[in-house]
């Protein structure tokens, strides 16, 4: 891939996920704001674009990535992967984190009052996330699979109630923005998930789990915003939808 001013941050990560670590180092949002070009991001953050491009090229030219090539995944395979890898992760880890955060507030809240805000933010984020997953699994994902089937079988389909596929995608992207903002605040309040000196083992485990949760969410959002949603839009352009 040639590094040019026109390539978005999301496109770099979609091509080689190893670049995600580089962008994270410079606090560049590659998931929720992955549609911004490297040039735009560097200008906004006052970063040296030549330095960043040099580091990107080093990553891209260093051997082959063991990361799966998600861009080559069919829409159906990518949907199944997202559900099994990321949706199930959220559903599994959320109740555990809610329990641990409640416990930390009771035991350590007096000395560390920021825990109450962290707990409140995570409750909001996790509740909205679970609603978000349902919107994807009930509305958008089945329609994408319907489009795939229609193309495979040379069929047409009825226009869905939401009109063009870009409408639910726009709403889901807004949800992603909201989640990104909530976890940015959680990261700030936890000192980037570094527990205080007097933290007990549960405290440390909880912060480690929150960090992992955010990292998983970033990859989850990246796969949707930068790959799956684009595939869905391209699918819709390929056949006639009956009104």
Protein backbone atom coordinates (compact mmCIF):
# COMPACT_ATOMS: atom_id res chain seq x y z
CA UNK A 1 0.00 0.00 0.00
CA UNK A 2 1.35 3.41 -0.94
CA UNK A 3 1.03 5.92 1.88
CA UNK A 4 -0.67 9.01 0.54
CA UNK A 5 -2.62 11.88 2.03
CA UNK A 6 -5.88 10.41 0.68
CA UNK A 7 -5.75 7.08 2.53
CA UNK A 8 -7.88 6.97 5.66
CA UNK A 9 -6.68 5.67 8.98
CA UNK A 10 -9.35 2.96 8.80
CA UNK A 11 -8.07 1.81 5.42
CA UNK A 12 -4.56 1.35 6.81
CA UNK A 13 -5.88 -0.83 9.63
CA UNK A 14 -8.20 -2.75 7.29
CA UNK A 15 -5.17 -3.58 5.12
CA UNK A 16 -2.92 -4.60 8.02
CA UNK A 17 -4.21 -4.65 11.59
CA UNK A 18 -0.66 -4.29 12.92
CA UNK A 19 -0.94 -0.57 12.16
CA UNK A 20 -3.61 -0.34 14.90
CA UNK A 21 -0.91 -0.55 17.57
CA UNK A 22 0.98 2.31 15.91
CA UNK A 23 -2.11 4.50 15.77
CA UNK A 24 -2.94 3.68 19.38
CA UNK A 25 0.54 4.80 20.40
CA UNK A 26 -0.20 8.24 18.96
CA UNK A 27 -3.79 8.19 20.32
CA UNK A 28 -5.20 8.16 16.80
CA UNK A 29 -8.77 6.80 16.67
CA UNK A 30 -8.80 4.17 13.91
CA UNK A 31 -12.30 2.82 14.61
CA UNK A 32 -14.95 5.48 15.34
CA UNK A 33 -13.07 8.14 13.39
CA UNK A 34 -11.37 5.79 10.94
CA UNK A 35 -12.84 7.71 7.99
CA UNK A 36 -10.39 10.58 8.49
CA UNK A 37 -7.28 10.67 6.31
CA UNK A 38 -3.85 10.37 7.85
CA UNK A 39 -3.17 13.92 6.67
CA UNK A 40 -6.27 15.26 8.48
CA UNK A 41 -5.43 13.42 11.69
CA UNK A 42 -1.82 14.58 11.75
CA UNK A 43 -2.85 18.17 11.12
CA UNK A 44 -5.45 18.07 13.91
CA UNK A 45 -3.04 16.50 16.42
CA UNK A 46 0.07 18.40 15.37
CA UNK A 47 1.87 15.18 14.42
CA UNK A 48 4.68 14.88 11.88
CA UNK A 49 3.04 13.10 8.94
CA UNK A 50 6.41 12.12 7.47
CA UNK A 51 7.38 10.41 10.73
CA UNK A 52 4.04 8.59 10.95
CA UNK A 53 4.22 7.49 7.31
CA UNK A 54 7.75 6.21 7.87
CA UNK A 55 6.59 4.14 10.84
CA UNK A 56 3.59 2.82 8.87
CA UNK A 57 5.85 1.73 6.03
CA UNK A 58 8.13 -0.02 8.52
CA UNK A 59 5.13 -2.00 9.82
CA UNK A 60 3.79 -2.81 6.35
CA UNK A 61 7.19 -3.88 5.04
CA UNK A 62 8.09 -6.07 8.02
CA UNK A 63 7.25 -9.64 7.11
CA UNK A 64 3.68 -10.84 6.81
CA UNK A 65 0.99 -10.26 9.38
CA UNK A 66 -0.44 -13.28 11.19
CA UNK A 67 -3.66 -11.30 11.51
CA UNK A 68 -6.58 -12.56 9.47
CA UNK A 69 -7.28 -10.71 6.24
CA UNK A 70 -10.75 -9.47 7.17
CA UNK A 71 -11.10 -7.50 3.94
CA UNK A 72 -11.16 -10.82 2.07
CA UNK A 73 -13.97 -12.20 4.23
CA UNK A 74 -17.39 -12.52 2.63
CA UNK A 75 -20.07 -10.36 4.32
CA UNK A 76 -21.69 -13.47 5.82
CA UNK A 77 -18.42 -14.79 7.21
CA UNK A 78 -17.54 -11.39 8.65
CA UNK A 79 -20.96 -11.11 10.32
CA UNK A 80 -20.60 -14.57 11.86
CA UNK A 81 -17.09 -13.71 13.07
CA UNK A 82 -18.23 -10.42 14.64
CA UNK A 83 -21.11 -12.12 16.46
CA UNK A 84 -19.07 -15.06 17.73
CA UNK A 85 -15.92 -13.12 18.57
CA UNK A 86 -17.13 -9.70 19.67
CA UNK A 87 -20.85 -9.81 20.47
CA UNK A 88 -20.46 -12.91 22.62
CA UNK A 89 -17.43 -11.34 24.32
CA UNK A 90 -19.50 -8.31 25.35
CA UNK A 91 -22.34 -10.49 26.62
CA UNK A 92 -19.92 -12.65 28.61
CA UNK A 93 -17.74 -9.93 30.16
CA UNK A 94 -20.36 -7.27 30.91
CA UNK A 95 -22.02 -8.92 33.96
CA UNK A 96 -18.61 -9.78 35.44
CA UNK A 97 -17.38 -6.21 35.10
CA UNK A 98 -20.61 -4.80 36.53
CA UNK A 99 -20.20 -7.04 39.59
CA UNK A 100 -16.53 -6.13 40.08
CA UNK A 101 -17.14 -2.40 39.68
CA UNK A 102 -19.96 -2.47 42.22
CA UNK A 103 -17.64 -4.28 44.63
CA UNK A 104 -14.84 -1.75 44.10
CA UNK A 105 -17.21 1.14 44.81
CA UNK A 106 -18.28 -0.46 48.10
CA UNK A 107 -14.76 -1.33 49.26
CA UNK A 108 -12.60 1.45 47.77
CA UNK A 109 -15.07 4.20 46.84
CA UNK A 110 -14.35 6.32 49.90
CA UNK A 111 -10.63 6.57 49.08
CA UNK A 112 -11.14 6.59 45.29
CA UNK A 113 -14.40 8.42 44.53
CA UNK A 114 -13.65 8.32 40.79
CA UNK A 115 -14.75 4.68 40.92
CA UNK A 116 -18.37 5.78 41.20
CA UNK A 117 -18.16 7.70 37.92
CA UNK A 118 -16.29 4.85 36.23
CA UNK A 119 -19.02 2.46 37.37
CA UNK A 120 -21.78 4.79 36.17
CA UNK A 121 -20.14 5.29 32.77
CA UNK A 122 -19.65 1.56 32.27
CA UNK A 123 -23.28 0.86 33.18
CA UNK A 124 -24.41 3.37 30.56
CA UNK A 125 -21.94 2.07 27.96
CA UNK A 126 -22.76 -1.61 28.51
CA UNK A 127 -26.54 -1.03 28.49
CA UNK A 128 -26.35 0.90 25.24
CA UNK A 129 -23.98 -1.68 23.78
CA UNK A 130 -26.38 -4.54 24.44
CA UNK A 131 -29.16 -2.59 22.70
CA UNK A 132 -26.74 -1.87 19.86
CA UNK A 133 -25.96 -5.56 19.40
CA UNK A 134 -29.65 -6.33 19.14
CA UNK A 135 -30.12 -3.69 16.42
CA UNK A 136 -27.31 -5.28 14.46
CA UNK A 137 -28.44 -8.88 14.91
CA UNK A 138 -32.15 -8.21 14.32
CA UNK A 139 -32.09 -5.46 11.68
CA UNK A 140 -28.88 -4.91 9.73
CA UNK A 141 -27.08 -8.25 9.75
CA UNK A 142 -30.10 -10.30 8.53
CA UNK A 143 -30.68 -7.81 5.71
CA UNK A 144 -27.05 -8.06 4.62
CA UNK A 145 -27.42 -11.85 4.50
CA UNK A 146 -30.66 -11.43 2.55
CA UNK A 147 -28.82 -9.32 -0.02
CA UNK A 148 -26.04 -11.90 -0.30
CA UNK A 149 -28.60 -14.67 -0.88
CA UNK A 150 -30.48 -12.58 -3.46
CA UNK A 151 -27.34 -11.90 -5.44
CA UNK A 152 -26.27 -15.54 -5.28
CA UNK A 153 -29.69 -16.69 -6.56
CA UNK A 154 -30.23 -13.86 -9.07
CA UNK A 155 -33.25 -12.60 -7.13
CA UNK A 156 -34.69 -9.23 -6.22
CA UNK A 157 -35.85 -8.26 -2.73
CA UNK A 158 -38.39 -5.93 -1.22
CA UNK A 159 -37.14 -2.60 0.03
CA UNK A 160 -36.82 -2.78 3.83
CA UNK A 161 -38.68 -0.44 6.14
CA UNK A 162 -35.49 1.50 6.85
CA UNK A 163 -35.06 2.38 3.16
CA UNK A 164 -31.43 2.31 2.07
CA UNK A 165 -28.92 0.29 4.06
CA UNK A 166 -27.05 3.52 4.73
CA UNK A 167 -29.75 4.60 7.21
CA UNK A 168 -29.19 1.90 9.87
CA UNK A 169 -25.45 2.11 9.20
CA UNK A 170 -25.51 5.83 10.03
CA UNK A 171 -27.33 5.12 13.30
CA UNK A 172 -24.95 2.31 14.22
CA UNK A 173 -21.94 4.53 13.50
CA UNK A 174 -23.40 7.14 15.83
CA UNK A 175 -23.71 4.45 18.50
CA UNK A 176 -20.04 3.66 17.94
CA UNK A 177 -19.14 7.33 18.43
CA UNK A 178 -21.04 7.36 21.71
CA UNK A 179 -19.31 4.22 22.95
CA UNK A 180 -15.93 5.58 21.94
CA UNK A 181 -16.55 8.78 23.93
CA UNK A 182 -17.71 6.88 27.02
CA UNK A 183 -14.66 4.63 27.04
CA UNK A 184 -12.33 7.56 26.40
CA UNK A 185 -13.67 9.06 29.63
CA UNK A 186 -13.32 5.74 31.47
CA UNK A 187 -9.72 5.49 30.25
CA UNK A 188 -9.03 9.00 31.51
CA UNK A 189 -10.57 8.32 34.94
CA UNK A 190 -8.60 5.09 35.35
CA UNK A 191 -5.31 6.75 34.36
CA UNK A 192 -5.34 4.60 31.21
CA UNK A 193 -6.26 1.53 33.28
CA UNK A 194 -3.35 1.86 35.69
CA UNK A 195 -4.60 0.98 39.20
CA UNK A 196 -3.43 3.02 42.23
CA UNK A 197 -0.67 1.81 44.51
CA UNK A 198 -3.11 0.64 47.19
CA UNK A 199 -5.16 -1.44 44.71
CA UNK A 200 -6.11 -4.95 45.74
CA UNK A 201 -6.06 -7.89 43.34
CA UNK A 202 -9.73 -7.41 42.38
CA UNK A 203 -8.99 -3.74 41.64
CA UNK A 204 -6.13 -4.72 39.32
CA UNK A 205 -8.12 -7.46 37.61
CA UNK A 206 -11.04 -5.10 37.01
CA UNK A 207 -8.87 -2.43 35.41
CA UNK A 208 -7.17 -5.07 33.25
CA UNK A 209 -10.57 -6.35 32.15
CA UNK A 210 -11.76 -2.81 31.35
CA UNK A 211 -8.67 -2.25 29.22
CA UNK A 212 -9.20 -5.53 27.36
CA UNK A 213 -12.90 -4.67 26.92
CA UNK A 214 -12.04 -1.34 25.31
CA UNK A 215 -9.40 -2.91 23.05
CA UNK A 216 -11.89 -5.55 21.91
CA UNK A 217 -14.49 -2.83 21.29
CA UNK A 218 -12.04 -0.86 19.14
CA UNK A 219 -11.41 -3.88 16.93
CA UNK A 220 -15.13 -4.68 16.83
CA UNK A 221 -15.99 -1.15 15.69
CA UNK A 222 -13.15 -1.17 13.18
CA UNK A 223 -14.42 -4.36 11.52
CA UNK A 224 -17.87 -2.83 11.15
CA UNK A 225 -17.13 0.80 10.30
CA UNK A 226 -14.18 0.21 8.01
CA UNK A 227 -15.03 -3.14 6.39
CA UNK A 228 -18.50 -4.66 6.89
CA UNK A 229 -20.55 -1.49 6.42
CA UNK A 230 -18.72 -0.68 3.21
CA UNK A 231 -19.37 -4.19 1.94
CA UNK A 232 -23.08 -3.75 2.74
CA UNK A 233 -23.28 -0.50 0.77
CA UNK A 234 -21.51 -2.12 -2.19
CA UNK A 235 -23.92 -5.08 -2.05
CA UNK A 236 -26.95 -2.80 -2.19
CA UNK A 237 -25.57 -1.15 -5.32
CA UNK A 238 -25.40 -4.48 -7.16
CA UNK A 239 -29.06 -5.34 -7.63
CA UNK A 240 -32.57 -3.95 -7.90
CA UNK A 241 -34.63 -3.61 -4.76
CA UNK A 242 -38.42 -3.67 -5.34
CA UNK A 243 -40.32 -0.86 -3.65
